[in-house]
N, C-alpha and C. Protein backbone atom coordinates (compact mmCIF):
# COMPACT_ATOMS: atom_id res chain seq x y z
N MET A 1 44.27 -161.37 -68.69
CA MET A 1 44.58 -161.20 -67.29
C MET A 1 44.29 -162.50 -66.55
N ASN A 2 45.05 -162.79 -65.55
CA ASN A 2 44.89 -164.01 -64.77
C ASN A 2 43.57 -163.99 -64.01
N ARG A 3 42.81 -165.08 -64.10
CA ARG A 3 41.49 -165.16 -63.48
C ARG A 3 41.56 -164.98 -61.96
N SER A 4 42.56 -165.59 -61.31
CA SER A 4 42.65 -165.47 -59.85
C SER A 4 42.95 -164.03 -59.44
N PHE A 5 43.69 -163.31 -60.27
CA PHE A 5 43.96 -161.91 -59.98
C PHE A 5 42.68 -161.09 -60.05
N ILE A 6 41.87 -161.36 -61.06
CA ILE A 6 40.61 -160.64 -61.22
C ILE A 6 39.70 -160.94 -60.02
N LYS A 7 39.65 -162.18 -59.58
CA LYS A 7 38.82 -162.57 -58.45
C LYS A 7 39.27 -161.86 -57.18
N SER A 8 40.58 -161.83 -56.92
CA SER A 8 41.07 -161.18 -55.71
C SER A 8 40.87 -159.67 -55.78
N GLN A 9 40.97 -159.12 -56.97
CA GLN A 9 40.76 -157.69 -57.13
C GLN A 9 39.31 -157.33 -56.85
N SER A 10 38.36 -158.16 -57.30
CA SER A 10 36.95 -157.87 -57.05
C SER A 10 36.63 -158.01 -55.56
N SER A 11 37.29 -158.93 -54.85
CA SER A 11 37.08 -159.07 -53.41
C SER A 11 37.51 -157.81 -52.68
N LEU A 12 38.59 -157.21 -53.12
CA LEU A 12 39.05 -155.97 -52.50
C LEU A 12 38.09 -154.83 -52.74
N GLN A 13 37.42 -154.82 -53.87
CA GLN A 13 36.48 -153.75 -54.17
C GLN A 13 35.33 -153.74 -53.18
N TYR A 14 34.89 -154.90 -52.69
CA TYR A 14 33.82 -154.94 -51.73
C TYR A 14 34.22 -154.25 -50.43
N LEU A 15 35.46 -154.41 -50.03
CA LEU A 15 35.92 -153.79 -48.80
C LEU A 15 36.06 -152.28 -48.94
N ASP A 16 36.33 -151.81 -50.16
CA ASP A 16 36.46 -150.39 -50.40
C ASP A 16 35.12 -149.70 -50.59
N CYS A 17 34.09 -150.48 -50.89
CA CYS A 17 32.78 -149.94 -51.17
C CYS A 17 32.15 -149.38 -49.90
N ILE A 18 31.53 -148.24 -50.02
CA ILE A 18 30.91 -147.59 -48.87
C ILE A 18 29.58 -148.25 -48.52
N ALA A 19 28.81 -148.67 -49.52
CA ALA A 19 27.50 -149.25 -49.28
C ALA A 19 27.58 -150.76 -49.10
N VAL A 20 26.80 -151.28 -48.17
CA VAL A 20 26.65 -152.71 -47.97
C VAL A 20 25.23 -153.05 -48.41
N GLU A 21 25.13 -153.98 -49.34
CA GLU A 21 23.81 -154.42 -49.79
C GLU A 21 23.22 -155.33 -48.73
N VAL A 22 21.96 -155.08 -48.39
CA VAL A 22 21.25 -155.88 -47.41
C VAL A 22 20.13 -156.63 -48.12
N LYS A 23 20.05 -157.92 -47.88
CA LYS A 23 18.94 -158.72 -48.40
C LYS A 23 18.20 -159.26 -47.19
N SER A 24 16.99 -158.74 -46.97
CA SER A 24 16.23 -159.15 -45.80
C SER A 24 15.09 -160.07 -46.21
N LYS A 25 14.80 -161.03 -45.34
CA LYS A 25 13.77 -162.02 -45.60
C LYS A 25 12.80 -162.05 -44.43
N TYR A 26 11.52 -161.89 -44.74
CA TYR A 26 10.46 -162.03 -43.76
C TYR A 26 9.41 -162.94 -44.37
N GLY A 27 9.23 -164.10 -43.79
CA GLY A 27 8.30 -165.07 -44.38
C GLY A 27 8.83 -165.50 -45.73
N ALA A 28 8.01 -165.32 -46.75
CA ALA A 28 8.41 -165.71 -48.11
C ALA A 28 8.87 -164.53 -48.95
N GLU A 29 8.89 -163.33 -48.36
CA GLU A 29 9.26 -162.17 -49.16
C GLU A 29 10.66 -161.67 -48.84
N PHE A 30 11.32 -161.19 -49.87
CA PHE A 30 12.66 -160.64 -49.76
C PHE A 30 12.62 -159.16 -50.13
N ARG A 31 13.44 -158.38 -49.47
CA ARG A 31 13.62 -156.97 -49.80
C ARG A 31 15.11 -156.69 -49.85
N ARG A 32 15.49 -155.75 -50.70
CA ARG A 32 16.90 -155.35 -50.81
C ARG A 32 17.02 -153.85 -50.62
N PHE A 33 18.05 -153.45 -49.89
CA PHE A 33 18.38 -152.05 -49.69
C PHE A 33 19.84 -152.01 -49.27
N SER A 34 20.36 -150.84 -49.02
CA SER A 34 21.77 -150.75 -48.62
C SER A 34 21.93 -149.83 -47.42
N VAL A 35 23.03 -150.05 -46.70
CA VAL A 35 23.42 -149.19 -45.58
C VAL A 35 24.89 -148.84 -45.74
N ASP A 36 25.30 -147.77 -45.11
CA ASP A 36 26.69 -147.32 -45.16
C ASP A 36 27.56 -148.24 -44.32
N ARG A 37 28.62 -148.79 -44.92
CA ARG A 37 29.50 -149.72 -44.21
C ARG A 37 30.21 -149.06 -43.04
N PHE A 38 30.61 -147.81 -43.19
CA PHE A 38 31.43 -147.16 -42.18
C PHE A 38 30.62 -146.34 -41.18
N LYS A 39 29.38 -145.99 -41.52
CA LYS A 39 28.49 -145.27 -40.61
C LYS A 39 27.09 -145.90 -40.71
N PRO A 40 26.95 -147.11 -40.20
CA PRO A 40 25.67 -147.80 -40.37
C PRO A 40 24.52 -147.20 -39.59
N GLY A 41 24.80 -146.39 -38.58
CA GLY A 41 23.74 -145.79 -37.78
C GLY A 41 23.42 -146.63 -36.56
N LYS A 42 22.27 -146.38 -36.00
CA LYS A 42 21.83 -147.05 -34.77
C LYS A 42 20.94 -148.24 -35.10
N PHE A 43 20.95 -149.22 -34.20
CA PHE A 43 20.11 -150.39 -34.37
C PHE A 43 18.63 -150.00 -34.43
N GLU A 44 18.23 -149.07 -33.59
CA GLU A 44 16.82 -148.64 -33.55
C GLU A 44 16.36 -148.12 -34.92
N ASP A 45 17.21 -147.36 -35.60
CA ASP A 45 16.87 -146.86 -36.93
C ASP A 45 16.80 -148.01 -37.95
N PHE A 46 17.71 -148.96 -37.84
CA PHE A 46 17.71 -150.13 -38.72
C PHE A 46 16.43 -150.95 -38.49
N TYR A 47 16.04 -151.12 -37.24
CA TYR A 47 14.83 -151.85 -36.90
C TYR A 47 13.61 -151.18 -37.54
N LYS A 48 13.54 -149.85 -37.42
CA LYS A 48 12.42 -149.11 -38.03
C LYS A 48 12.43 -149.24 -39.55
N LEU A 49 13.61 -149.23 -40.15
CA LEU A 49 13.72 -149.39 -41.60
C LEU A 49 13.23 -150.77 -42.02
N ILE A 50 13.62 -151.80 -41.30
CA ILE A 50 13.16 -153.17 -41.59
C ILE A 50 11.63 -153.23 -41.51
N MET A 51 11.07 -152.65 -40.46
CA MET A 51 9.62 -152.67 -40.28
C MET A 51 8.92 -151.95 -41.44
N HIS A 52 9.50 -150.84 -41.86
CA HIS A 52 8.91 -150.06 -42.96
C HIS A 52 9.04 -150.79 -44.30
N VAL A 53 10.20 -151.30 -44.59
CA VAL A 53 10.46 -151.96 -45.88
C VAL A 53 9.57 -153.19 -46.05
N HIS A 54 9.36 -153.93 -44.98
CA HIS A 54 8.54 -155.14 -45.05
C HIS A 54 7.07 -154.88 -44.72
N ARG A 55 6.75 -153.63 -44.43
CA ARG A 55 5.38 -153.24 -44.08
C ARG A 55 4.83 -154.06 -42.92
N ILE A 56 5.62 -154.12 -41.87
CA ILE A 56 5.23 -154.83 -40.65
C ILE A 56 4.85 -153.77 -39.63
N SER A 57 3.71 -153.93 -39.00
CA SER A 57 3.33 -152.98 -37.96
C SER A 57 2.70 -153.71 -36.78
N ASN A 58 2.79 -153.09 -35.62
CA ASN A 58 2.17 -153.63 -34.40
C ASN A 58 2.59 -155.07 -34.11
N MET A 59 3.86 -155.36 -34.34
CA MET A 59 4.36 -156.72 -34.13
C MET A 59 5.82 -156.63 -33.67
N GLU A 60 6.16 -157.42 -32.68
CA GLU A 60 7.55 -157.51 -32.25
C GLU A 60 8.24 -158.58 -33.08
N VAL A 61 9.41 -158.24 -33.60
CA VAL A 61 10.16 -159.20 -34.40
C VAL A 61 11.59 -159.33 -33.88
N MET A 62 12.19 -160.46 -34.20
CA MET A 62 13.61 -160.68 -33.92
C MET A 62 14.34 -160.58 -35.25
N ILE A 63 15.49 -159.95 -35.23
CA ILE A 63 16.29 -159.79 -36.44
C ILE A 63 17.60 -160.54 -36.24
N GLY A 64 17.96 -161.32 -37.24
CA GLY A 64 19.22 -162.05 -37.20
C GLY A 64 19.92 -161.93 -38.54
N TYR A 65 21.17 -162.34 -38.58
CA TYR A 65 21.93 -162.31 -39.84
C TYR A 65 22.81 -163.54 -39.94
N ALA A 66 23.12 -163.89 -41.17
CA ALA A 66 24.01 -165.01 -41.41
C ALA A 66 25.44 -164.46 -41.49
N ASP A 67 26.32 -164.95 -40.61
CA ASP A 67 27.71 -164.49 -40.65
C ASP A 67 28.46 -165.21 -41.77
N ILE A 68 29.76 -164.96 -41.88
CA ILE A 68 30.54 -165.51 -42.99
C ILE A 68 30.63 -167.02 -42.94
N HIS A 69 30.36 -167.62 -41.78
CA HIS A 69 30.40 -169.08 -41.65
C HIS A 69 29.01 -169.70 -41.83
N GLY A 70 28.00 -168.86 -42.02
CA GLY A 70 26.64 -169.35 -42.20
C GLY A 70 25.85 -169.48 -40.91
N ASP A 71 26.46 -169.10 -39.79
CA ASP A 71 25.75 -169.16 -38.50
C ASP A 71 24.76 -168.01 -38.40
N LEU A 72 23.60 -168.26 -37.80
CA LEU A 72 22.59 -167.23 -37.61
C LEU A 72 22.83 -166.55 -36.28
N LEU A 73 23.15 -165.26 -36.33
CA LEU A 73 23.45 -164.48 -35.13
C LEU A 73 22.42 -163.36 -34.99
N PRO A 74 22.15 -162.93 -33.75
CA PRO A 74 21.13 -161.89 -33.55
C PRO A 74 21.67 -160.49 -33.87
N ILE A 75 20.75 -159.64 -34.28
CA ILE A 75 21.01 -158.20 -34.34
C ILE A 75 19.98 -157.59 -33.41
N ASN A 76 20.44 -157.14 -32.24
CA ASN A 76 19.50 -156.59 -31.26
C ASN A 76 20.06 -155.40 -30.49
N ASN A 77 21.22 -154.91 -30.89
CA ASN A 77 21.77 -153.70 -30.27
C ASN A 77 22.76 -153.06 -31.24
N ASP A 78 23.26 -151.89 -30.88
CA ASP A 78 24.16 -151.14 -31.77
C ASP A 78 25.45 -151.90 -32.05
N ASP A 79 25.98 -152.59 -31.04
CA ASP A 79 27.26 -153.28 -31.22
C ASP A 79 27.18 -154.42 -32.23
N ASN A 80 26.20 -155.32 -32.07
CA ASN A 80 26.17 -156.43 -33.02
C ASN A 80 25.60 -156.00 -34.38
N PHE A 81 24.87 -154.89 -34.43
CA PHE A 81 24.45 -154.34 -35.72
C PHE A 81 25.68 -153.84 -36.48
N CYS A 82 26.54 -153.09 -35.82
CA CYS A 82 27.77 -152.58 -36.47
C CYS A 82 28.68 -153.74 -36.88
N LYS A 83 28.77 -154.77 -36.06
CA LYS A 83 29.59 -155.94 -36.39
C LYS A 83 29.04 -156.63 -37.63
N ALA A 84 27.73 -156.78 -37.72
CA ALA A 84 27.10 -157.43 -38.87
C ALA A 84 27.39 -156.66 -40.15
N VAL A 85 27.27 -155.34 -40.10
CA VAL A 85 27.49 -154.52 -41.29
C VAL A 85 28.96 -154.51 -41.68
N SER A 86 29.84 -154.38 -40.71
CA SER A 86 31.27 -154.27 -41.02
C SER A 86 31.86 -155.57 -41.55
N THR A 87 31.28 -156.71 -41.20
CA THR A 87 31.82 -157.99 -41.66
C THR A 87 31.08 -158.56 -42.87
N ALA A 88 30.05 -157.87 -43.33
CA ALA A 88 29.28 -158.37 -44.49
C ALA A 88 30.17 -158.40 -45.72
N HIS A 89 30.16 -159.56 -46.39
CA HIS A 89 31.01 -159.69 -47.57
C HIS A 89 30.35 -160.61 -48.58
N PRO A 90 29.89 -160.22 -49.66
CA PRO A 90 29.60 -158.85 -50.10
C PRO A 90 28.20 -158.41 -49.71
N LEU A 91 27.42 -159.32 -49.10
CA LEU A 91 26.01 -159.08 -48.86
C LEU A 91 25.70 -159.39 -47.40
N LEU A 92 24.84 -158.58 -46.79
CA LEU A 92 24.37 -158.86 -45.44
C LEU A 92 23.00 -159.52 -45.56
N ARG A 93 22.94 -160.80 -45.18
CA ARG A 93 21.68 -161.55 -45.24
C ARG A 93 20.98 -161.44 -43.89
N VAL A 94 19.81 -160.80 -43.90
CA VAL A 94 19.05 -160.55 -42.68
C VAL A 94 17.78 -161.38 -42.69
N PHE A 95 17.46 -161.97 -41.54
CA PHE A 95 16.26 -162.77 -41.39
C PHE A 95 15.40 -162.17 -40.30
N ILE A 96 14.13 -161.94 -40.60
CA ILE A 96 13.19 -161.36 -39.66
C ILE A 96 12.19 -162.43 -39.25
N GLN A 97 11.93 -162.52 -37.96
CA GLN A 97 11.02 -163.54 -37.46
C GLN A 97 10.15 -162.94 -36.36
N ARG A 98 8.87 -163.26 -36.41
CA ARG A 98 7.98 -162.80 -35.33
C ARG A 98 8.48 -163.35 -34.01
N GLN A 99 8.47 -162.51 -32.99
CA GLN A 99 8.96 -162.93 -31.69
C GLN A 99 8.06 -164.01 -31.12
N GLY A 100 8.67 -165.04 -30.55
CA GLY A 100 7.93 -166.14 -29.97
C GLY A 100 7.72 -167.30 -30.94
N ILE A 101 8.06 -167.11 -32.22
CA ILE A 101 7.93 -168.17 -33.20
C ILE A 101 9.30 -168.82 -33.38
N THR A 102 9.37 -170.12 -33.26
CA THR A 102 10.65 -170.80 -33.47
C THR A 102 10.70 -171.36 -34.89
N PRO A 103 11.86 -171.30 -35.53
CA PRO A 103 11.96 -171.81 -36.89
C PRO A 103 11.76 -173.33 -36.93
N SER A 104 11.10 -173.80 -37.97
CA SER A 104 10.91 -175.24 -38.08
C SER A 104 12.17 -175.88 -38.64
N CYS A 105 12.57 -176.98 -38.05
CA CYS A 105 13.76 -177.68 -38.49
C CYS A 105 13.31 -178.90 -39.28
N GLN A 106 13.91 -179.08 -40.43
CA GLN A 106 13.59 -180.23 -41.25
C GLN A 106 14.77 -181.18 -41.26
N PRO A 107 14.51 -182.48 -41.18
CA PRO A 107 15.62 -183.45 -41.15
C PRO A 107 16.38 -183.51 -42.44
């Protein structure tokens, strides 16, 4: 079978898949879980899940995701949470940061 055909066929499978794999990063630790692509739920529930999965308590955090272009965009309401999940291909990369902490930039 033609390799490019196999590659394009596998890309289509991601769009048909109901689950979106989420890879979240907080500090140096990573966690993986999945959410439903077509019914991702509410941002508040996702926020609670992130807090539980990473065992974070009594702390305000900011949640962001890397879009398809590699830009870091916020997830802070139902609309941009749904946008993040619906455009994830094949993985939704989530970054958690304590509120008030700015990321260090290296030259």
